PDB file of N, CA and C in Angstrom:
ATOM      1  N   MET A   1     -86.707 -15.960 -24.826  1.00  0.00           N
ATOM      2  CA  MET A   1     -87.147 -15.924 -23.441  1.00  0.00           C
ATOM      3  C   MET A   1     -87.308 -17.376 -22.983  1.00  0.00           C
ATOM      4  N   ARG A   2     -86.658 -17.686 -21.892  1.00  0.00           N
ATOM      5  CA  ARG A   2     -86.752 -19.033 -21.348  1.00  0.00           C
ATOM      6  C   ARG A   2     -88.032 -19.181 -20.533  1.00  0.00           C
ATOM      7  N   THR A   3     -88.602 -20.378 -20.568  1.00  0.00           N
ATOM      8  CA  THR A   3     -89.827 -20.673 -19.818  1.00  0.00           C
ATOM      9  C   THR A   3     -89.487 -21.560 -18.630  1.00  0.00           C
ATOM     10  N   TRP A   4     -90.038 -21.191 -17.476  1.00  0.00           N
ATOM     11  CA  TRP A   4     -89.824 -21.917 -16.226  1.00  0.00           C
ATOM     12  C   TRP A   4     -91.155 -22.377 -15.663  1.00  0.00           C
ATOM     13  N   PRO A   5     -91.337 -23.662 -15.415  1.00  0.00           N
ATOM     14  CA  PRO A   5     -92.512 -24.084 -14.640  1.00  0.00           C
ATOM     15  C   PRO A   5     -92.389 -23.498 -13.225  1.00  0.00           C
ATOM     16  N   LEU A   6     -93.492 -23.182 -12.615  1.00  0.00           N
ATOM     17  CA  LEU A   6     -93.485 -22.529 -11.310  1.00  0.00           C
ATOM     18  C   LEU A   6     -92.649 -23.289 -10.277  1.00  0.00           C
ATOM     19  N   GLN A   7     -92.776 -24.609 -10.218  1.00  0.00           N
ATOM     20  CA  GLN A   7     -92.012 -25.390  -9.245  1.00  0.00           C
ATOM     21  C   GLN A   7     -90.505 -25.204  -9.453  1.00  0.00           C
ATOM     22  N   ASP A   8     -90.054 -25.213 -10.710  1.00  0.00           N
ATOM     23  CA  ASP A   8     -88.628 -25.002 -10.994  1.00  0.00           C
ATOM     24  C   ASP A   8     -88.206 -23.586 -10.615  1.00  0.00           C
ATOM     25  N   ALA A   9     -89.049 -22.607 -10.926  1.00  0.00           N
ATOM     26  CA  ALA A   9     -88.729 -21.215 -10.599  1.00  0.00           C
ATOM     27  C   ALA A   9     -88.584 -21.032  -9.094  1.00  0.00           C
ATOM     28  N   LYS A  10     -89.443 -21.692  -8.316  1.00  0.00           N
ATOM     29  CA  LYS A  10     -89.368 -21.583  -6.859  1.00  0.00           C
ATOM     30  C   LYS A  10     -88.115 -22.254  -6.322  1.00  0.00           C
ATOM     31  N   SER A  11     -87.815 -23.443  -6.807  1.00  0.00           N
ATOM     32  CA  SER A  11     -86.691 -24.181  -6.249  1.00  0.00           C
ATOM     33  C   SER A  11     -85.340 -23.665  -6.763  1.00  0.00           C
ATOM     34  N   ARG A  12     -85.339 -22.951  -7.898  1.00  0.00           N
ATOM     35  CA  ARG A  12     -84.093 -22.445  -8.469  1.00  0.00           C
ATOM     36  C   ARG A  12     -84.172 -20.933  -8.678  1.00  0.00           C
ATOM     37  N   PHE A  13     -84.736 -20.249  -7.688  1.00  0.00           N
ATOM     38  CA  PHE A  13     -84.996 -18.820  -7.810  1.00  0.00           C
ATOM     39  C   PHE A  13     -83.725 -18.018  -8.074  1.00  0.00           C
ATOM     40  N   SER A  14     -82.641 -18.363  -7.391  1.00  0.00           N
ATOM     41  CA  SER A  14     -81.388 -17.644  -7.584  1.00  0.00           C
ATOM     42  C   SER A  14     -80.925 -17.747  -9.043  1.00  0.00           C
ATOM     43  N   GLU A  15     -81.050 -18.927  -9.624  1.00  0.00           N
ATOM     44  CA  GLU A  15     -80.687 -19.110 -11.029  1.00  0.00           C
ATOM     45  C   GLU A  15     -81.620 -18.302 -11.929  1.00  0.00           C
ATOM     46  N   LEU A  16     -82.904 -18.280 -11.591  1.00  0.00           N
ATOM     47  CA  LEU A  16     -83.880 -17.501 -12.354  1.00  0.00           C
ATOM     48  C   LEU A  16     -83.479 -16.025 -12.372  1.00  0.00           C
ATOM     49  N   VAL A  17     -83.089 -15.492 -11.215  1.00  0.00           N
ATOM     50  CA  VAL A  17     -82.665 -14.092 -11.125  1.00  0.00           C
ATOM     51  C   VAL A  17     -81.393 -13.869 -11.941  1.00  0.00           C
ATOM     52  N   ASP A  18     -80.416 -14.769 -11.791  1.00  0.00           N
ATOM     53  CA  ASP A  18     -79.163 -14.629 -12.542  1.00  0.00           C
ATOM     54  C   ASP A  18     -79.416 -14.628 -14.042  1.00  0.00           C
ATOM     55  N   ARG A  19     -80.269 -15.516 -14.513  1.00  0.00           N
ATOM     56  CA  ARG A  19     -80.567 -15.584 -15.955  1.00  0.00           C
ATOM     57  C   ARG A  19     -81.342 -14.350 -16.420  1.00  0.00           C
ATOM     58  N   THR A  20     -82.197 -13.842 -15.564  1.00  0.00           N
ATOM     59  CA  THR A  20     -82.929 -12.621 -15.911  1.00  0.00           C
ATOM     60  C   THR A  20     -81.951 -11.473 -16.118  1.00  0.00           C
ATOM     61  N   LEU A  21     -80.983 -11.366 -15.220  1.00  0.00           N
ATOM     62  CA  LEU A  21     -80.010 -10.284 -15.322  1.00  0.00           C
ATOM     63  C   LEU A  21     -79.067 -10.451 -16.512  1.00  0.00           C
ATOM     64  N   SER A  22     -78.732 -11.677 -16.855  1.00  0.00           N
ATOM     65  CA  SER A  22     -77.771 -11.897 -17.940  1.00  0.00           C
ATOM     66  C   SER A  22     -78.423 -12.107 -19.309  1.00  0.00           C
ATOM     67  N   GLU A  23     -79.615 -12.708 -19.351  1.00  0.00           N
ATOM     68  CA  GLU A  23     -80.236 -13.062 -20.628  1.00  0.00           C
ATOM     69  C   GLU A  23     -81.474 -12.245 -20.969  1.00  0.00           C
ATOM     70  N   GLY A  24     -82.089 -11.641 -19.953  1.00  0.00           N
ATOM     71  CA  GLY A  24     -83.308 -10.873 -20.204  1.00  0.00           C
ATOM     72  C   GLY A  24     -84.515 -11.520 -19.550  1.00  0.00           C
ATOM     73  N   PRO A  25     -85.711 -11.073 -19.898  1.00  0.00           N
ATOM     74  CA  PRO A  25     -86.946 -11.539 -19.260  1.00  0.00           C
ATOM     75  C   PRO A  25     -87.091 -13.062 -19.293  1.00  0.00           C
ATOM     76  N   GLN A  26     -87.691 -13.609 -18.226  1.00  0.00           N
ATOM     77  CA  GLN A  26     -87.932 -15.038 -18.088  1.00  0.00           C
ATOM     78  C   GLN A  26     -89.424 -15.252 -17.831  1.00  0.00           C
ATOM     79  N   LEU A  27     -90.008 -16.222 -18.521  1.00  0.00           N
ATOM     80  CA  LEU A  27     -91.432 -16.522 -18.392  1.00  0.00           C
ATOM     81  C   LEU A  27     -91.635 -17.642 -17.386  1.00  0.00           C
ATOM     82  N   VAL A  28     -92.561 -17.451 -16.450  1.00  0.00           N
ATOM     83  CA  VAL A  28     -92.905 -18.483 -15.470  1.00  0.00           C
ATOM     84  C   VAL A  28     -94.335 -18.936 -15.762  1.00  0.00           C
ATOM     85  N   THR A  29     -94.513 -20.257 -15.823  1.00  0.00           N
ATOM     86  CA  THR A  29     -95.839 -20.810 -16.102  1.00  0.00           C
ATOM     87  C   THR A  29     -96.401 -21.484 -14.860  1.00  0.00           C
ATOM     88  N   ARG A  30     -97.732 -21.522 -14.790  1.00  0.00           N
ATOM     89  CA  ARG A  30     -98.430 -22.222 -13.702  1.00  0.00           C
ATOM     90  C   ARG A  30     -99.455 -23.139 -14.357  1.00  0.00           C
ATOM     91  N   ARG A  31     -99.341 -24.421 -14.050  1.00  0.00           N
ATOM     92  CA  ARG A  31    -100.223 -25.438 -14.631  1.00  0.00           C
ATOM     93  C   ARG A  31    -100.223 -25.370 -16.163  1.00  0.00           C
ATOM     94  N   GLY A  32     -99.043 -25.076 -16.735  1.00  0.00           N
ATOM     95  CA  GLY A  32     -98.891 -25.053 -18.180  1.00  0.00           C
ATOM     96  C   GLY A  32     -99.302 -23.771 -18.874  1.00  0.00           C
ATOM     97  N   ALA A  33     -99.870 -22.827 -18.141  1.00  0.00           N
ATOM     98  CA  ALA A  33    -100.298 -21.559 -18.732  1.00  0.00           C
ATOM     99  C   ALA A  33     -99.346 -20.437 -18.312  1.00  0.00           C
ATOM    100  N   ASP A  34     -99.129 -19.474 -19.197  1.00  0.00           N
ATOM    101  CA  ASP A  34     -98.284 -18.324 -18.862  1.00  0.00           C
ATOM    102  C   ASP A  34     -98.831 -17.635 -17.617  1.00  0.00           C
ATOM    103  N   ALA A  35     -97.944 -17.371 -16.658  1.00  0.00           N
ATOM    104  CA  ALA A  35     -98.377 -16.726 -15.419  1.00  0.00           C
ATOM    105  C   ALA A  35     -97.740 -15.345 -15.260  1.00  0.00           C
ATOM    106  N   VAL A  36     -96.413 -15.288 -15.238  1.00  0.00           N
ATOM    107  CA  VAL A  36     -95.720 -14.011 -15.042  1.00  0.00           C
ATOM    108  C   VAL A  36     -94.444 -13.983 -15.872  1.00  0.00           C
ATOM    109  N   VAL A  37     -93.942 -12.772 -16.071  1.00  0.00           N
ATOM    110  CA  VAL A  37     -92.637 -12.576 -16.693  1.00  0.00           C
ATOM    111  C   VAL A  37     -91.767 -11.869 -15.667  1.00  0.00           C
ATOM    112  N   VAL A  38     -90.577 -12.405 -15.433  1.00  0.00           N
ATOM    113  CA  VAL A  38     -89.629 -11.802 -14.496  1.00  0.00           C
ATOM    114  C   VAL A  38     -88.713 -10.882 -15.293  1.00  0.00           C
ATOM    115  N   LEU A  39     -88.652  -9.606 -14.872  1.00  0.00           N
ATOM    116  CA  LEU A  39     -87.834  -8.593 -15.543  1.00  0.00           C
ATOM    117  C   LEU A  39     -86.787  -8.052 -14.589  1.00  0.00           C
ATOM    118  N   ALA A  40     -85.664  -7.612 -15.129  1.00  0.00           N
ATOM    119  CA  ALA A  40     -84.676  -6.879 -14.335  1.00  0.00           C
ATOM    120  C   ALA A  40     -85.279  -5.524 -13.972  1.00  0.00           C
ATOM    121  N   ALA A  41     -84.923  -5.006 -12.809  1.00  0.00           N
ATOM    122  CA  ALA A  41     -85.501  -3.752 -12.316  1.00  0.00           C
ATOM    123  C   ALA A  41     -85.318  -2.582 -13.287  1.00  0.00           C
ATOM    124  N   PRO A  42     -84.141  -2.370 -13.877  1.00  0.00           N
ATOM    125  CA  PRO A  42     -84.014  -1.242 -14.818  1.00  0.00           C
ATOM    126  C   PRO A  42     -84.943  -1.372 -16.031  1.00  0.00           C
ATOM    127  N   GLU A  43     -85.125  -2.584 -16.518  1.00  0.00           N
ATOM    128  CA  GLU A  43     -86.023  -2.801 -17.650  1.00  0.00           C
ATOM    129  C   GLU A  43     -87.470  -2.505 -17.253  1.00  0.00           C
ATOM    130  N   TYR A  44     -87.860  -2.931 -16.052  1.00  0.00           N
ATOM    131  CA  TYR A  44     -89.214  -2.641 -15.571  1.00  0.00           C
ATOM    132  C   TYR A  44     -89.428  -1.132 -15.464  1.00  0.00           C
ATOM    133  N   ARG A  45     -88.457  -0.431 -14.861  1.00  0.00           N
ATOM    134  CA  ARG A  45     -88.594   1.022 -14.711  1.00  0.00           C
ATOM    135  C   ARG A  45     -88.723   1.707 -16.064  1.00  0.00           C
ATOM    136  N   ARG A  46     -87.947   1.243 -17.045  1.00  0.00           N
ATOM    137  CA  ARG A  46     -88.014   1.825 -18.378  1.00  0.00           C
ATOM    138  C   ARG A  46     -89.403   1.612 -18.984  1.00  0.00           C
ATOM    139  N   LEU A  47     -89.913   0.397 -18.877  1.00  0.00           N
ATOM    140  CA  LEU A  47     -91.226   0.088 -19.437  1.00  0.00           C
ATOM    141  C   LEU A  47     -92.354   0.804 -18.703  1.00  0.00           C
ATOM    142  N   ALA A  48     -92.182   0.979 -17.400  1.00  0.00           N
ATOM    143  CA  ALA A  48     -93.220   1.614 -16.597  1.00  0.00           C
ATOM    144  C   ALA A  48     -93.126   3.135 -16.620  1.00  0.00           C
ATOM    145  N   GLY A  49     -92.108   3.659 -17.298  1.00  0.00           N
ATOM    146  CA  GLY A  49     -91.964   5.111 -17.360  1.00  0.00           C
ATOM    147  C   GLY A  49     -91.464   5.709 -16.076  1.00  0.00           C
ATOM    148  N   GLN A  50     -90.719   4.952 -15.314  1.00  0.00           N
ATOM    149  CA  GLN A  50     -90.212   5.439 -14.036  1.00  0.00           C
ATOM    150  C   GLN A  50     -88.720   5.706 -14.097  1.00  0.00           C
ATOM    151  N   ASP A  51     -88.261   6.250 -15.218  1.00  0.00           N
ATOM    152  CA  ASP A  51     -86.848   6.576 -15.329  1.00  0.00           C
ATOM    153  C   ASP A  51     -86.499   7.673 -14.341  1.00  0.00           C
ATOM    154  N   SER A  52     -85.243   7.897 -14.151  1.00  0.00           N
ATOM    155  CA  SER A  52     -84.784   8.938 -13.237  1.00  0.00           C
ATOM    156  C   SER A  52     -85.130  10.315 -13.804  1.00  0.00           C
ATOM    157  N   LEU A  53     -85.088  11.312 -12.961  1.00  0.00           N
ATOM    158  CA  LEU A  53     -85.361  12.679 -13.391  1.00  0.00           C
ATOM    159  C   LEU A  53     -84.355  13.095 -14.457  1.00  0.00           C
ATOM    160  N   LEU A  54     -83.101  12.743 -14.262  1.00  0.00           N
ATOM    161  CA  LEU A  54     -82.077  13.088 -15.243  1.00  0.00           C
ATOM    162  C   LEU A  54     -82.419  12.493 -16.604  1.00  0.00           C
ATOM    163  N   SER A  55     -82.795  11.230 -16.628  1.00  0.00           N
ATOM    164  CA  SER A  55     -83.146  10.575 -17.884  1.00  0.00           C
ATOM    165  C   SER A  55     -84.357  11.252 -18.523  1.00  0.00           C
ATOM    166  N   THR A  56     -85.339  11.603 -17.716  1.00  0.00           N
ATOM    167  CA  THR A  56     -86.528  12.276 -18.225  1.00  0.00           C
ATOM    168  C   THR A  56     -86.159  13.621 -18.855  1.00  0.00           C
ATOM    169  N   LEU A  57     -85.302  14.378 -18.167  1.00  0.00           N
ATOM    170  CA  LEU A  57     -84.902  15.679 -18.699  1.00  0.00           C
ATOM    171  C   LEU A  57     -84.070  15.534 -19.969  1.00  0.00           C
ATOM    172  N   LEU A  58     -83.204  14.535 -20.004  1.00  0.00           N
ATOM    173  CA  LEU A  58     -82.372  14.339 -21.190  1.00  0.00           C
ATOM    174  C   LEU A  58     -83.183  13.915 -22.407  1.00  0.00           C
ATOM    175  N   HIS A  59     -84.325  13.275 -22.190  1.00  0.00           N
ATOM    176  CA  HIS A  59     -85.153  12.813 -23.296  1.00  0.00           C
ATOM    177  C   HIS A  59     -86.367  13.711 -23.549  1.00  0.00           C
ATOM    178  N   ALA A  60     -86.383  14.871 -22.915  1.00  0.00           N
ATOM    179  CA  ALA A  60     -87.494  15.807 -23.097  1.00  0.00           C
ATOM    180  C   ALA A  60     -87.441  16.408 -24.499  1.00  0.00           C
ATOM    181  N   PRO A  61     -88.597  16.777 -25.061  1.00  0.00           N
ATOM    182  CA  PRO A  61     -88.603  17.401 -26.392  1.00  0.00           C
ATOM    183  C   PRO A  61     -87.830  18.714 -26.374  1.00  0.00           C
ATOM    184  N   ARG A  62     -87.105  18.976 -27.452  1.00  0.00           N
ATOM    185  CA  ARG A  62     -86.314  20.204 -27.544  1.00  0.00           C
ATOM    186  C   ARG A  62     -86.768  21.018 -28.756  1.00  0.00           C
ATOM    187  N   GLY A  63     -86.524  22.311 -28.672  1.00  0.00           N
ATOM    188  CA  GLY A  63     -86.780  23.167 -29.815  1.00  0.00           C
ATOM    189  C   GLY A  63     -88.212  23.652 -29.940  1.00  0.00           C
ATOM    190  N   GLU A  64     -89.080  23.238 -29.046  1.00  0.00           N
ATOM    191  CA  GLU A  64     -90.457  23.705 -29.110  1.00  0.00           C
ATOM    192  C   GLU A  64     -90.604  24.919 -28.194  1.00  0.00           C
ATOM    193  N   PRO A  65     -91.174  26.006 -28.711  1.00  0.00           N
ATOM    194  CA  PRO A  65     -91.311  27.195 -27.865  1.00  0.00           C
ATOM    195  C   PRO A  65     -92.309  26.958 -26.736  1.00  0.00           C
ATOM    196  N   LEU A  66     -92.020  27.577 -25.609  1.00  0.00           N
ATOM    197  CA  LEU A  66     -92.946  27.502 -24.486  1.00  0.00           C
ATOM    198  C   LEU A  66     -94.068  28.495 -24.707  1.00  0.00           C
ATOM    199  N   ASP A  67     -95.272  28.102 -24.431  1.00  0.00           N
ATOM    200  CA  ASP A  67     -96.419  28.980 -24.553  1.00  0.00           C
ATOM    201  C   ASP A  67     -96.722  29.530 -23.168  1.00  0.00           C
ATOM    202  N   VAL A  68     -96.086  30.653 -22.856  1.00  0.00           N
ATOM    203  CA  VAL A  68     -96.260  31.263 -21.539  1.00  0.00           C
ATOM    204  C   VAL A  68     -97.083  32.528 -21.722  1.00  0.00           C
ATOM    205  N   GLU A  69     -98.240  32.551 -21.120  1.00  0.00           N
ATOM    206  CA  GLU A  69     -99.122  33.702 -21.246  1.00  0.00           C
ATOM    207  C   GLU A  69     -99.285  34.344 -19.876  1.00  0.00           C
ATOM    208  N   ARG A  70     -98.972  35.612 -19.795  1.00  0.00           N
ATOM    209  CA  ARG A  70     -99.086  36.319 -18.524  1.00  0.00           C
ATOM    210  C   ARG A  70    -100.316  37.234 -18.563  1.00  0.00           C
ATOM    211  N   PRO A  71    -100.944  37.375 -17.414  1.00  0.00           N
ATOM    212  CA  PRO A  71    -102.092  38.295 -17.385  1.00  0.00           C
ATOM    213  C   PRO A  71    -101.629  39.740 -17.603  1.00  0.00           C
ATOM    214  N   THR A  72    -102.465  40.523 -18.253  1.00  0.00           N
ATOM    215  CA  THR A  72    -102.129  41.929 -18.529  1.00  0.00           C
ATOM    216  C   THR A  72    -102.657  42.861 -17.449  1.00  0.00           C
ATOM    217  N   ASP A  73    -103.327  42.320 -16.436  1.00  0.00           N
ATOM    218  CA  ASP A  73    -103.855  43.149 -15.354  1.00  0.00           C
ATOM    219  C   ASP A  73    -102.709  43.807 -14.596  1.00  0.00           C
ATOM    220  N   PRO A  74    -102.946  45.052 -14.126  1.00  0.00           N
ATOM    221  CA  PRO A  74    -101.892  45.700 -13.325  1.00  0.00           C
ATOM    222  C   PRO A  74    -101.705  44.957 -11.991  1.00  0.00           C
ATOM    223  N   ILE A  75    -100.531  45.109 -11.460  1.00  0.00           N
ATOM    224  CA  ILE A  75    -100.233  44.488 -10.171  1.00  0.00           C
ATOM    225  C   ILE A  75    -101.041  45.212  -9.101  1.00  0.00           C
ATOM    226  N   ARG A  76    -101.589  44.447  -8.172  1.00  0.00           N
ATOM    227  CA  ARG A  76    -102.410  45.064  -7.123  1.00  0.00           C
ATOM    228  C   ARG A  76    -101.544  45.883  -6.167  1.00  0.00           C
ATOM    229  N   PRO A  77    -102.080  46.953  -5.669  1.00  0.00           N
ATOM    230  CA  PRO A  77    -101.303  47.796  -4.745  1.00  0.00           C
ATOM    231  C   PRO A  77    -101.215  47.132  -3.371  1.00  0.00           C
ATOM    232  N   ILE A  78    -100.123  47.342  -2.712  1.00  0.00           N
ATOM    233  CA  ILE A  78     -99.980  46.852  -1.342  1.00  0.00           C
ATOM    234  C   ILE A  78     -99.529  47.996  -0.450  1.00  0.00           C
ATOM    235  N   GLU A  79     -99.895  47.915   0.794  1.00  0.00           N
ATOM    236  CA  GLU A  79     -99.494  48.965   1.748  1.00  0.00           C
ATOM    237  C   GLU A  79     -98.258  48.500   2.471  1.00  0.00           C
ATOM    238  N   LEU A  80     -97.301  49.387   2.577  1.00  0.00           N
ATOM    239  CA  LEU A  80     -96.065  49.078   3.297  1.00  0.00           C
ATOM    240  C   LEU A  80     -96.030  49.755   4.619  1.00  0.00           C
TER     241      LEU A  80
END
């Protein structure tokens, strides 16, 4: 992970974005201390658990029986 001082990150933001997309996360420091990490949007979504519905369904647990319990009460009468 490359480290960018805040001033460099601001003045070369386009390069920061390009490197994030091609090389992965980039660390930005402020006054010599770690401040933020810049991530590509798909990586952020993956880490935050915000994958698409399709991805969620494809990675859902399989083979486990559903525990569906229905009430045994008779159906209430209705007037027609």
